[in-house]
Amino acid sequence: MVRIKGGVKTRAKHKKVLKLAKGFWMTRHKQFKKAKEAVLHAGEYAFKGRKAKKRDFRQLWIIRMNAGLRELGMKYSIFINKLKVNKIELDRKILSQIAVEHPAIFKKIVERAK
């Protein structure tokens, strides 16, 4: 049986991880063991970040909408309920954008919801 050394595959695997660790601090971008650990942690943080981003933006939209509604003398929770009752199907992203950029149109939407 012929002995097969795995140097080429190992080198490729190491290069792949070190490429992902580019720009990391100290030995975390030079040494394979440290880089591998750092890349794994970075992947976990990136995954969490993608989930948190959705929560953060929804929170921002609600805050912006609520600020626009308070000026018109209404609360966010009541407004959302009125939208559902009147079957006005606009999502929070669009409503917050309208509230910030086009207050006159937002006022008409609020009047329609009442």
PDB file of N, CA and C in Angstrom:
ATOM      1  N   MET A   1       0.840  -1.186   0.000  1.00  0.00           N
ATOM      2  CA  MET A   1       0.000   0.000   0.000  1.00  0.00           C
ATOM      3  C   MET A   1       0.888   1.255   0.000  1.00  0.00           C
ATOM      4  N   VAL A   2       0.547   2.200  -0.829  1.00  0.00           N
ATOM      5  CA  VAL A   2       1.330   3.419  -0.956  1.00  0.00           C
ATOM      6  C   VAL A   2       0.893   4.422   0.123  1.00  0.00           C
ATOM      7  N   ARG A   3       1.880   5.069   0.705  1.00  0.00           N
ATOM      8  CA  ARG A   3       1.562   6.084   1.722  1.00  0.00           C
ATOM      9  C   ARG A   3       1.211   7.400   1.031  1.00  0.00           C
ATOM     10  N   ILE A   4       0.081   7.980   1.432  1.00  0.00           N
ATOM     11  CA  ILE A   4      -0.345   9.259   0.852  1.00  0.00           C
ATOM     12  C   ILE A   4      -0.296  10.315   1.947  1.00  0.00           C
ATOM     13  N   LYS A   5       0.459  11.349   1.661  1.00  0.00           N
ATOM     14  CA  LYS A   5       0.567  12.443   2.626  1.00  0.00           C
ATOM     15  C   LYS A   5      -0.505  13.485   2.307  1.00  0.00           C
ATOM     16  N   GLY A   6      -1.020  14.098   3.324  1.00  0.00           N
ATOM     17  CA  GLY A   6      -2.137  15.040   3.140  1.00  0.00           C
ATOM     18  C   GLY A   6      -1.741  16.491   3.177  1.00  0.00           C
ATOM     19  N   GLY A   7      -0.509  16.798   2.806  1.00  0.00           N
ATOM     20  CA  GLY A   7      -0.002  18.168   2.920  1.00  0.00           C
ATOM     21  C   GLY A   7      -0.768  19.190   2.104  1.00  0.00           C
ATOM     22  N   VAL A   8      -1.126  18.837   0.882  1.00  0.00           N
ATOM     23  CA  VAL A   8      -1.779  19.787  -0.014  1.00  0.00           C
ATOM     24  C   VAL A   8      -3.158  20.182   0.536  1.00  0.00           C
ATOM     25  N   LYS A   9      -3.928  19.175   0.951  1.00  0.00           N
ATOM     26  CA  LYS A   9      -5.266  19.448   1.497  1.00  0.00           C
ATOM     27  C   LYS A   9      -5.188  20.253   2.783  1.00  0.00           C
ATOM     28  N   THR A  10      -4.225  19.879   3.633  1.00  0.00           N
ATOM     29  CA  THR A  10      -4.069  20.582   4.907  1.00  0.00           C
ATOM     30  C   THR A  10      -3.697  22.037   4.668  1.00  0.00           C
ATOM     31  N   ARG A  11      -2.747  22.250   3.742  1.00  0.00           N
ATOM     32  CA  ARG A  11      -2.321  23.613   3.420  1.00  0.00           C
ATOM     33  C   ARG A  11      -3.503  24.428   2.899  1.00  0.00           C
ATOM     34  N   ALA A  12      -4.312  23.834   2.049  1.00  0.00           N
ATOM     35  CA  ALA A  12      -5.462  24.540   1.480  1.00  0.00           C
ATOM     36  C   ALA A  12      -6.468  24.911   2.566  1.00  0.00           C
ATOM     37  N   LYS A  13      -6.702  23.960   3.488  1.00  0.00           N
ATOM     38  CA  LYS A  13      -7.638  24.199   4.581  1.00  0.00           C
ATOM     39  C   LYS A  13      -7.140  25.339   5.485  1.00  0.00           C
ATOM     40  N   HIS A  14      -5.835  25.302   5.779  1.00  0.00           N
ATOM     41  CA  HIS A  14      -5.243  26.335   6.625  1.00  0.00           C
ATOM     42  C   HIS A  14      -5.321  27.705   5.941  1.00  0.00           C
ATOM     43  N   LYS A  15      -5.025  27.736   4.636  1.00  0.00           N
ATOM     44  CA  LYS A  15      -5.060  28.996   3.900  1.00  0.00           C
ATOM     45  C   LYS A  15      -6.469  29.593   3.900  1.00  0.00           C
ATOM     46  N   LYS A  16      -7.459  28.699   3.776  1.00  0.00           N
ATOM     47  CA  LYS A  16      -8.861  29.139   3.766  1.00  0.00           C
ATOM     48  C   LYS A  16      -9.224  29.829   5.082  1.00  0.00           C
ATOM     49  N   VAL A  17      -8.821  29.213   6.204  1.00  0.00           N
ATOM     50  CA  VAL A  17      -9.131  29.781   7.522  1.00  0.00           C
ATOM     51  C   VAL A  17      -8.350  31.071   7.742  1.00  0.00           C
ATOM     52  N   LEU A  18      -7.066  31.080   7.362  1.00  0.00           N
ATOM     53  CA  LEU A  18      -6.251  32.272   7.551  1.00  0.00           C
ATOM     54  C   LEU A  18      -6.754  33.434   6.688  1.00  0.00           C
ATOM     55  N   LYS A  19      -7.302  33.119   5.544  1.00  0.00           N
ATOM     56  CA  LYS A  19      -7.873  34.170   4.687  1.00  0.00           C
ATOM     57  C   LYS A  19      -9.093  34.792   5.376  1.00  0.00           C
ATOM     58  N   LEU A  20      -9.916  33.954   6.021  1.00  0.00           N
ATOM     59  CA  LEU A  20     -11.086  34.455   6.745  1.00  0.00           C
ATOM     60  C   LEU A  20     -10.675  35.281   7.960  1.00  0.00           C
ATOM     61  N   ALA A  21      -9.485  34.982   8.522  1.00  0.00           N
ATOM     62  CA  ALA A  21      -9.013  35.671   9.730  1.00  0.00           C
ATOM     63  C   ALA A  21      -8.195  36.917   9.394  1.00  0.00           C
ATOM     64  N   LYS A  22      -8.162  37.307   8.139  1.00  0.00           N
ATOM     65  CA  LYS A  22      -7.378  38.463   7.724  1.00  0.00           C
ATOM     66  C   LYS A  22      -7.858  39.712   8.469  1.00  0.00           C
ATOM     67  N   GLY A  23      -6.921  40.449   9.028  1.00  0.00           N
ATOM     68  CA  GLY A  23      -7.256  41.667   9.755  1.00  0.00           C
ATOM     69  C   GLY A  23      -7.509  41.450  11.233  1.00  0.00           C
ATOM     70  N   PHE A  24      -7.443  40.217  11.698  1.00  0.00           N
ATOM     71  CA  PHE A  24      -7.626  39.945  13.122  1.00  0.00           C
ATOM     72  C   PHE A  24      -6.363  40.364  13.881  1.00  0.00           C
ATOM     73  N   TRP A  25      -6.474  40.464  15.170  1.00  0.00           N
ATOM     74  CA  TRP A  25      -5.451  41.034  16.050  1.00  0.00           C
ATOM     75  C   TRP A  25      -4.392  40.000  16.459  1.00  0.00           C
ATOM     76  N   MET A  26      -3.157  40.440  16.488  1.00  0.00           N
ATOM     77  CA  MET A  26      -2.004  39.652  16.942  1.00  0.00           C
ATOM     78  C   MET A  26      -1.895  38.284  16.245  1.00  0.00           C
ATOM     79  N   THR A  27      -1.815  37.193  17.038  1.00  0.00           N
ATOM     80  CA  THR A  27      -1.590  35.876  16.442  1.00  0.00           C
ATOM     81  C   THR A  27      -2.858  35.302  15.821  1.00  0.00           C
ATOM     82  N   ARG A  28      -3.966  35.973  16.002  1.00  0.00           N
ATOM     83  CA  ARG A  28      -5.241  35.435  15.519  1.00  0.00           C
ATOM     84  C   ARG A  28      -5.345  35.460  13.991  1.00  0.00           C
ATOM     85  N   HIS A  29      -4.457  36.163  13.330  1.00  0.00           N
ATOM     86  CA  HIS A  29      -4.447  36.130  11.867  1.00  0.00           C
ATOM     87  C   HIS A  29      -3.213  35.434  11.305  1.00  0.00           C
ATOM     88  N   LYS A  30      -2.349  34.931  12.199  1.00  0.00           N
ATOM     89  CA  LYS A  30      -1.110  34.286  11.749  1.00  0.00           C
ATOM     90  C   LYS A  30      -1.099  32.792  12.038  1.00  0.00           C
ATOM     91  N   GLN A  31      -1.455  32.417  13.254  1.00  0.00           N
ATOM     92  CA  GLN A  31      -1.372  31.019  13.663  1.00  0.00           C
ATOM     93  C   GLN A  31      -2.704  30.321  13.405  1.00  0.00           C
ATOM     94  N   PHE A  32      -2.615  29.153  12.784  1.00  0.00           N
ATOM     95  CA  PHE A  32      -3.828  28.446  12.365  1.00  0.00           C
ATOM     96  C   PHE A  32      -4.762  28.137  13.526  1.00  0.00           C
ATOM     97  N   LYS A  33      -4.232  27.593  14.627  1.00  0.00           N
ATOM     98  CA  LYS A  33      -5.087  27.204  15.757  1.00  0.00           C
ATOM     99  C   LYS A  33      -5.852  28.402  16.310  1.00  0.00           C
ATOM    100  N   LYS A  34      -5.149  29.495  16.506  1.00  0.00           N
ATOM    101  CA  LYS A  34      -5.777  30.708  17.050  1.00  0.00           C
ATOM    102  C   LYS A  34      -6.760  31.290  16.021  1.00  0.00           C
ATOM    103  N   ALA A  35      -6.367  31.267  14.755  1.00  0.00           N
ATOM    104  CA  ALA A  35      -7.211  31.824  13.704  1.00  0.00           C
ATOM    105  C   ALA A  35      -8.509  31.030  13.562  1.00  0.00           C
ATOM    106  N   LYS A  36      -8.405  29.717  13.655  1.00  0.00           N
ATOM    107  CA  LYS A  36      -9.579  28.854  13.526  1.00  0.00           C
ATOM    108  C   LYS A  36     -10.595  29.184  14.627  1.00  0.00           C
ATOM    109  N   GLU A  37     -10.094  29.319  15.845  1.00  0.00           N
ATOM    110  CA  GLU A  37     -10.959  29.650  16.981  1.00  0.00           C
ATOM    111  C   GLU A  37     -11.598  31.020  16.784  1.00  0.00           C
ATOM    112  N   ALA A  38     -10.788  31.981  16.337  1.00  0.00           N
ATOM    113  CA  ALA A  38     -11.278  33.342  16.134  1.00  0.00           C
ATOM    114  C   ALA A  38     -12.347  33.386  15.041  1.00  0.00           C
ATOM    115  N   VAL A  39     -12.132  32.630  13.973  1.00  0.00           N
ATOM    116  CA  VAL A  39     -13.097  32.600  12.871  1.00  0.00           C
ATOM    117  C   VAL A  39     -14.412  31.972  13.320  1.00  0.00           C
ATOM    118  N   LEU A  40     -14.339  30.918  14.132  1.00  0.00           N
ATOM    119  CA  LEU A  40     -15.557  30.296  14.655  1.00  0.00           C
ATOM    120  C   LEU A  40     -16.354  31.270  15.505  1.00  0.00           C
ATOM    121  N   HIS A  41     -15.662  31.996  16.389  1.00  0.00           N
ATOM    122  CA  HIS A  41     -16.349  32.973  17.225  1.00  0.00           C
ATOM    123  C   HIS A  41     -16.937  34.099  16.377  1.00  0.00           C
ATOM    124  N   ALA A  42     -16.162  34.546  15.387  1.00  0.00           N
ATOM    125  CA  ALA A  42     -16.637  35.620  14.513  1.00  0.00           C
ATOM    126  C   ALA A  42     -17.918  35.199  13.796  1.00  0.00           C
ATOM    127  N   GLY A  43     -17.968  33.933  13.378  1.00  0.00           N
ATOM    128  CA  GLY A  43     -19.171  33.425  12.720  1.00  0.00           C
ATOM    129  C   GLY A  43     -20.375  33.434  13.636  1.00  0.00           C
ATOM    130  N   GLU A  44     -20.154  33.091  14.907  1.00  0.00           N
ATOM    131  CA  GLU A  44     -21.254  33.111  15.878  1.00  0.00           C
ATOM    132  C   GLU A  44     -21.764  34.534  16.080  1.00  0.00           C
ATOM    133  N   TYR A  45     -20.830  35.479  16.206  1.00  0.00           N
ATOM    134  CA  TYR A  45     -21.218  36.867  16.418  1.00  0.00           C
ATOM    135  C   TYR A  45     -21.956  37.416  15.194  1.00  0.00           C
ATOM    136  N   ALA A  46     -21.504  37.028  14.009  1.00  0.00           N
ATOM    137  CA  ALA A  46     -22.156  37.485  12.777  1.00  0.00           C
ATOM    138  C   ALA A  46     -23.582  36.958  12.703  1.00  0.00           C
ATOM    139  N   PHE A  47     -23.776  35.709  13.094  1.00  0.00           N
ATOM    140  CA  PHE A  47     -25.116  35.104  13.084  1.00  0.00           C
ATOM    141  C   PHE A  47     -26.032  35.852  14.047  1.00  0.00           C
ATOM    142  N   LYS A  48     -25.534  36.083  15.273  1.00  0.00           N
ATOM    143  CA  LYS A  48     -26.322  36.828  16.265  1.00  0.00           C
ATOM    144  C   LYS A  48     -26.643  38.227  15.754  1.00  0.00           C
ATOM    145  N   GLY A  49     -25.654  38.844  15.113  1.00  0.00           N
ATOM    146  CA  GLY A  49     -25.827  40.207  14.602  1.00  0.00           C
ATOM    147  C   GLY A  49     -26.907  40.304  13.548  1.00  0.00           C
ATOM    148  N   ARG A  50     -26.987  39.295  12.687  1.00  0.00           N
ATOM    149  CA  ARG A  50     -28.025  39.307  11.643  1.00  0.00           C
ATOM    150  C   ARG A  50     -29.414  39.214  12.262  1.00  0.00           C
ATOM    151  N   LYS A  51     -29.531  38.473  13.359  1.00  0.00           N
ATOM    152  CA  LYS A  51     -30.832  38.353  14.037  1.00  0.00           C
ATOM    153  C   LYS A  51     -31.164  39.647  14.784  1.00  0.00           C
ATOM    154  N   ALA A  52     -30.149  40.231  15.442  1.00  0.00           N
ATOM    155  CA  ALA A  52     -30.353  41.457  16.220  1.00  0.00           C
ATOM    156  C   ALA A  52     -30.709  42.635  15.315  1.00  0.00           C
ATOM    157  N   LYS A  53     -30.163  42.642  14.112  1.00  0.00           N
ATOM    158  CA  LYS A  53     -30.405  43.725  13.161  1.00  0.00           C
ATOM    159  C   LYS A  53     -31.894  43.872  12.870  1.00  0.00           C
ATOM    160  N   LYS A  54     -32.577  42.755  12.721  1.00  0.00           N
ATOM    161  CA  LYS A  54     -34.006  42.769  12.437  1.00  0.00           C
ATOM    162  C   LYS A  54     -34.781  43.377  13.601  1.00  0.00           C
ATOM    163  N   ARG A  55     -34.396  42.995  14.829  1.00  0.00           N
ATOM    164  CA  ARG A  55     -35.049  43.550  16.027  1.00  0.00           C
ATOM    165  C   ARG A  55     -34.789  45.041  16.137  1.00  0.00           C
ATOM    166  N   ASP A  56     -33.537  45.443  15.896  1.00  0.00           N
ATOM    167  CA  ASP A  56     -33.155  46.847  16.044  1.00  0.00           C
ATOM    168  C   ASP A  56     -33.920  47.741  15.071  1.00  0.00           C
ATOM    169  N   PHE A  57     -34.036  47.290  13.826  1.00  0.00           N
ATOM    170  CA  PHE A  57     -34.734  48.102  12.842  1.00  0.00           C
ATOM    171  C   PHE A  57     -36.224  48.207  13.144  1.00  0.00           C
ATOM    172  N   ARG A  58     -36.830  47.104  13.570  1.00  0.00           N
ATOM    173  CA  ARG A  58     -38.256  47.149  13.923  1.00  0.00           C
ATOM    174  C   ARG A  58     -38.475  48.126  15.080  1.00  0.00           C
ATOM    175  N   GLN A  59     -37.588  48.096  16.046  1.00  0.00           N
ATOM    176  CA  GLN A  59     -37.660  49.008  17.192  1.00  0.00           C
ATOM    177  C   GLN A  59     -37.542  50.464  16.730  1.00  0.00           C
ATOM    178  N   LEU A  60     -36.615  50.728  15.813  1.00  0.00           N
ATOM    179  CA  LEU A  60     -36.417  52.071  15.284  1.00  0.00           C
ATOM    180  C   LEU A  60     -37.665  52.570  14.564  1.00  0.00           C
ATOM    181  N   TRP A  61     -38.264  51.689  13.745  1.00  0.00           N
ATOM    182  CA  TRP A  61     -39.471  52.084  13.010  1.00  0.00           C
ATOM    183  C   TRP A  61     -40.597  52.442  13.969  1.00  0.00           C
ATOM    184  N   ILE A  62     -40.752  51.662  15.019  1.00  0.00           N
ATOM    185  CA  ILE A  62     -41.817  51.904  15.993  1.00  0.00           C
ATOM    186  C   ILE A  62     -41.580  53.232  16.709  1.00  0.00           C
ATOM    187  N   ILE A  63     -40.341  53.521  17.081  1.00  0.00           N
ATOM    188  CA  ILE A  63     -40.014  54.781  17.760  1.00  0.00           C
ATOM    189  C   ILE A  63     -40.313  55.968  16.859  1.00  0.00           C
ATOM    190  N   ARG A  64     -39.920  55.875  15.597  1.00  0.00           N
ATOM    191  CA  ARG A  64     -40.169  56.973  14.651  1.00  0.00           C
ATOM    192  C   ARG A  64     -41.663  57.196  14.438  1.00  0.00           C
ATOM    193  N   MET A  65     -42.395  56.090  14.293  1.00  0.00           N
ATOM    194  CA  MET A  65     -43.835  56.190  14.095  1.00  0.00           C
ATOM    195  C   MET A  65     -44.506  56.810  15.310  1.00  0.00           C
ATOM    196  N   ASN A  66     -44.106  56.351  16.491  1.00  0.00           N
ATOM    197  CA  ASN A  66     -44.696  56.830  17.729  1.00  0.00           C
ATOM    198  C   ASN A  66     -44.453  58.327  17.896  1.00  0.00           C
ATOM    199  N   ALA A  67     -43.254  58.789  17.525  1.00  0.00           N
ATOM    200  CA  ALA A  67     -42.938  60.217  17.617  1.00  0.00           C
ATOM    201  C   ALA A  67     -43.868  61.026  16.710  1.00  0.00           C
ATOM    202  N   GLY A  68     -44.088  60.528  15.497  1.00  0.00           N
ATOM    203  CA  GLY A  68     -44.998  61.206  14.576  1.00  0.00           C
ATOM    204  C   GLY A  68     -46.440  61.174  15.058  1.00  0.00           C
ATOM    205  N   LEU A  69     -46.821  60.071  15.678  1.00  0.00           N
ATOM    206  CA  LEU A  69     -48.199  59.927  16.174  1.00  0.00           C
ATOM    207  C   LEU A  69     -48.455  60.813  17.379  1.00  0.00           C
ATOM    208  N   ARG A  70     -47.477  60.950  18.269  1.00  0.00           N
ATOM    209  CA  ARG A  70     -47.648  61.776  19.470  1.00  0.00           C
ATOM    210  C   ARG A  70     -47.938  63.232  19.087  1.00  0.00           C
ATOM    211  N   GLU A  71     -47.319  63.692  18.001  1.00  0.00           N
ATOM    212  CA  GLU A  71     -47.579  65.055  17.526  1.00  0.00           C
ATOM    213  C   GLU A  71     -49.029  65.209  17.071  1.00  0.00           C
ATOM    214  N   LEU A  72     -49.607  64.109  16.597  1.00  0.00           N
ATOM    215  CA  LEU A  72     -50.996  64.135  16.122  1.00  0.00           C
ATOM    216  C   LEU A  72     -51.975  63.705  17.217  1.00  0.00           C
ATOM    217  N   GLY A  73     -51.465  63.492  18.427  1.00  0.00           N
ATOM    218  CA  GLY A  73     -52.325  63.172  19.566  1.00  0.00           C
ATOM    219  C   GLY A  73     -52.821  61.739  19.603  1.00  0.00           C
ATOM    220  N   MET A  74     -51.993  60.807  19.192  1.00  0.00           N
ATOM    221  CA  MET A  74     -52.387  59.392  19.215  1.00  0.00           C
ATOM    222  C   MET A  74     -51.212  58.546  19.691  1.00  0.00           C
ATOM    223  N   LYS A  75     -51.511  57.392  20.249  1.00  0.00           N
ATOM    224  CA  LYS A  75     -50.481  56.463  20.688  1.00  0.00           C
ATOM    225  C   LYS A  75     -50.276  55.390  19.631  1.00  0.00           C
ATOM    226  N   TYR A  76     -49.075  54.817  19.646  1.00  0.00           N
ATOM    227  CA  TYR A  76     -48.703  53.798  18.663  1.00  0.00           C
ATOM    228  C   TYR A  76     -49.618  52.582  18.728  1.00  0.00           C
ATOM    229  N   SER A  77     -49.847  52.067  19.932  1.00  0.00           N
ATOM    230  CA  SER A  77     -50.614  50.829  20.073  1.00  0.00           C
ATOM    231  C   SER A  77     -52.052  51.003  19.567  1.00  0.00           C
ATOM    232  N   ILE A  78     -52.635  52.152  19.867  1.00  0.00           N
ATOM    233  CA  ILE A  78     -54.008  52.440  19.404  1.00  0.00           C
ATOM    234  C   ILE A  78     -54.023  52.560  17.882  1.00  0.00           C
ATOM    235  N   PHE A  79     -53.017  53.219  17.331  1.00  0.00           N
ATOM    236  CA  PHE A  79     -52.921  53.416  15.883  1.00  0.00           C
ATOM    237  C   PHE A  79     -52.834  52.082  15.140  1.00  0.00           C
ATOM    238  N   ILE A  80     -51.977  51.189  15.629  1.00  0.00           N
ATOM    239  CA  ILE A  80     -51.813  49.878  14.984  1.00  0.00           C
ATOM    240  C   ILE A  80     -53.137  49.102  15.031  1.00  0.00           C
ATOM    241  N   ASN A  81     -53.823  49.174  16.171  1.00  0.00           N
ATOM    242  CA  ASN A  81     -55.123  48.507  16.296  1.00  0.00           C
ATOM    243  C   ASN A  81     -56.129  49.069  15.297  1.00  0.00           C
ATOM    244  N   LYS A  82     -56.154  50.390  15.154  1.00  0.00           N
ATOM    245  CA  LYS A  82     -57.090  51.035  14.208  1.00  0.00           C
ATOM    246  C   LYS A  82     -56.761  50.640  12.767  1.00  0.00           C
ATOM    247  N   LEU A  83     -55.479  50.510  12.461  1.00  0.00           N
ATOM    248  CA  LEU A  83     -55.091  50.083  11.113  1.00  0.00           C
ATOM    249  C   LEU A  83     -55.631  48.686  10.816  1.00  0.00           C
ATOM    250  N   LYS A  84     -55.518  47.784  11.789  1.00  0.00           N
ATOM    251  CA  LYS A  84     -56.000  46.417  11.592  1.00  0.00           C
ATOM    252  C   LYS A  84     -57.509  46.374  11.466  1.00  0.00           C
ATOM    253  N   VAL A  85     -58.198  47.157  12.287  1.00  0.00           N
ATOM    254  CA  VAL A  85     -59.667  47.195  12.244  1.00  0.00           C
ATOM    255  C   VAL A  85     -60.145  47.728  10.894  1.00  0.00           C
ATOM    256  N   ASN A  86     -59.483  48.781  10.397  1.00  0.00           N
ATOM    257  CA  ASN A  86     -59.873  49.391   9.121  1.00  0.00           C
ATOM    258  C   ASN A  86     -59.239  48.716   7.907  1.00  0.00           C
ATOM    259  N   LYS A  87     -58.524  47.605   8.142  1.00  0.00           N
ATOM    260  CA  LYS A  87     -57.896  46.814   7.073  1.00  0.00           C
ATOM    261  C   LYS A  87     -56.964  47.638   6.178  1.00  0.00           C
ATOM    262  N   ILE A  88     -56.171  48.518   6.824  1.00  0.00           N
ATOM    263  CA  ILE A  88     -55.138  49.269   6.107  1.00  0.00           C
ATOM    264  C   ILE A  88     -53.843  48.482   6.274  1.00  0.00           C
ATOM    265  N   GLU A  89     -53.353  47.916   5.181  1.00  0.00           N
ATOM    266  CA  GLU A  89     -52.193  47.024   5.260  1.00  0.00           C
ATOM    267  C   GLU A  89     -50.920  47.723   4.795  1.00  0.00           C
ATOM    268  N   LEU A  90     -50.344  48.506   5.708  1.00  0.00           N
ATOM    269  CA  LEU A  90     -49.036  49.119   5.482  1.00  0.00           C
ATOM    270  C   LEU A  90     -48.116  48.632   6.597  1.00  0.00           C
ATOM    271  N   ASP A  91     -46.910  48.217   6.223  1.00  0.00           N
ATOM    272  CA  ASP A  91     -46.017  47.701   7.267  1.00  0.00           C
ATOM    273  C   ASP A  91     -45.321  48.849   8.002  1.00  0.00           C
ATOM    274  N   ARG A  92     -44.686  48.517   9.119  1.00  0.00           N
ATOM    275  CA  ARG A  92     -44.095  49.512  10.001  1.00  0.00           C
ATOM    276  C   ARG A  92     -42.950  50.266   9.325  1.00  0.00           C
ATOM    277  N   LYS A  93     -42.211  49.579   8.466  1.00  0.00           N
ATOM    278  CA  LYS A  93     -41.094  50.216   7.773  1.00  0.00           C
ATOM    279  C   LYS A  93     -41.596  51.374   6.903  1.00  0.00           C
ATOM    280  N   ILE A  94     -42.619  51.098   6.107  1.00  0.00           N
ATOM    281  CA  ILE A  94     -43.166  52.113   5.204  1.00  0.00           C
ATOM    282  C   ILE A  94     -43.812  53.245   5.999  1.00  0.00           C
ATOM    283  N   LEU A  95     -44.580  52.892   7.037  1.00  0.00           N
ATOM    284  CA  LEU A  95     -45.242  53.908   7.852  1.00  0.00           C
ATOM    285  C   LEU A  95     -44.232  54.840   8.521  1.00  0.00           C
ATOM    286  N   SER A  96     -43.136  54.293   9.031  1.00  0.00           N
ATOM    287  CA  SER A  96     -42.130  55.135   9.691  1.00  0.00           C
ATOM    288  C   SER A  96     -41.440  56.044   8.679  1.00  0.00           C
ATOM    289  N   GLN A  97     -41.206  55.511   7.490  1.00  0.00           N
ATOM    290  CA  GLN A  97     -40.570  56.311   6.436  1.00  0.00           C
ATOM    291  C   GLN A  97     -41.484  57.470   6.037  1.00  0.00           C
ATOM    292  N   ILE A  98     -42.771  57.200   5.907  1.00  0.00           N
ATOM    293  CA  ILE A  98     -43.745  58.251   5.575  1.00  0.00           C
ATOM    294  C   ILE A  98     -43.806  59.277   6.704  1.00  0.00           C
ATOM    295  N   ALA A  99     -43.796  58.811   7.955  1.00  0.00           N
ATOM    296  CA  ALA A  99     -43.872  59.708   9.111  1.00  0.00           C
ATOM    297  C   ALA A  99     -42.686  60.674   9.144  1.00  0.00           C
ATOM    298  N   VAL A 100     -41.507  60.191   8.776  1.00  0.00           N
ATOM    299  CA  VAL A 100     -40.306  61.030   8.816  1.00  0.00           C
ATOM    300  C   VAL A 100     -40.227  61.951   7.603  1.00  0.00           C
ATOM    301  N   GLU A 101     -40.462  61.406   6.411  1.00  0.00           N
ATOM    302  CA  GLU A 101     -40.223  62.154   5.178  1.00  0.00           C
ATOM    303  C   GLU A 101     -41.431  62.948   4.685  1.00  0.00           C
ATOM    304  N   HIS A 102     -42.647  62.450   4.948  1.00  0.00           N
ATOM    305  CA  HIS A 102     -43.862  63.100   4.441  1.00  0.00           C
ATOM    306  C   HIS A 102     -44.915  63.202   5.545  1.00  0.00           C
ATOM    307  N   PRO A 103     -44.742  64.162   6.473  1.00  0.00           N
ATOM    308  CA  PRO A 103     -45.683  64.260   7.603  1.00  0.00           C
ATOM    309  C   PRO A 103     -47.129  64.532   7.179  1.00  0.00           C
ATOM    310  N   ALA A 104     -47.334  65.256   6.090  1.00  0.00           N
ATOM    311  CA  ALA A 104     -48.695  65.569   5.631  1.00  0.00           C
ATOM    312  C   ALA A 104     -49.425  64.297   5.197  1.00  0.00           C
ATOM    313  N   ILE A 105     -48.739  63.436   4.480  1.00  0.00           N
ATOM    314  CA  ILE A 105     -49.333  62.173   4.032  1.00  0.00           C
ATOM    315  C   ILE A 105     -49.584  61.268   5.238  1.00  0.00           C
ATOM    316  N   PHE A 106     -48.647  61.275   6.182  1.00  0.00           N
ATOM    317  CA  PHE A 106     -48.812  60.463   7.398  1.00  0.00           C
ATOM    318  C   PHE A 106     -50.043  60.925   8.182  1.00  0.00           C
ATOM    319  N   LYS A 107     -50.262  62.235   8.199  1.00  0.00           N
ATOM    320  CA  LYS A 107     -51.434  62.783   8.901  1.00  0.00           C
ATOM    321  C   LYS A 107     -52.720  62.276   8.253  1.00  0.00           C
ATOM    322  N   LYS A 108     -52.734  62.197   6.919  1.00  0.00           N
ATOM    323  CA  LYS A 108     -53.915  61.683   6.206  1.00  0.00           C
ATOM    324  C   LYS A 108     -54.158  60.211   6.533  1.00  0.00           C
ATOM    325  N   ILE A 109     -53.090  59.442   6.647  1.00  0.00           N
ATOM    326  CA  ILE A 109     -53.204  58.011   6.992  1.00  0.00           C
ATOM    327  C   ILE A 109     -53.801  57.869   8.395  1.00  0.00           C
ATOM    328  N   VAL A 110     -53.313  58.726   9.319  1.00  0.00           N
ATOM    329  CA  VAL A 110     -53.834  58.677  10.697  1.00  0.00           C
ATOM    330  C   VAL A 110     -55.312  59.046  10.720  1.00  0.00           C
ATOM    331  N   GLU A 111     -55.696  60.056   9.954  1.00  0.00           N
ATOM    332  CA  GLU A 111     -57.103  60.452   9.892  1.00  0.00           C
ATOM    333  C   GLU A 111     -57.962  59.331   9.317  1.00  0.00           C
ATOM    334  N   ARG A 112     -57.454  58.649   8.306  1.00  0.00           N
ATOM    335  CA  ARG A 112     -58.172  57.514   7.685  1.00  0.00           C
ATOM    336  C   ARG A 112     -58.336  56.397   8.688  1.00  0.00           C
ATOM    337  N   ALA A 113     -57.304  56.169   9.520  1.00  0.00           N
ATOM    338  CA  ALA A 113     -57.351  55.086  10.516  1.00  0.00           C
ATOM    339  C   ALA A 113     -58.372  55.385  11.614  1.00  0.00           C
ATOM    340  N   LYS A 114     -58.515  56.664  11.956  1.00  0.00           N
ATOM    341  CA  LYS A 114     -59.488  57.039  13.008  1.00  0.00           C
ATOM    342  C   LYS A 114     -60.887  56.771  12.495  1.00  0.00           C
TER     343      LYS A 114
END
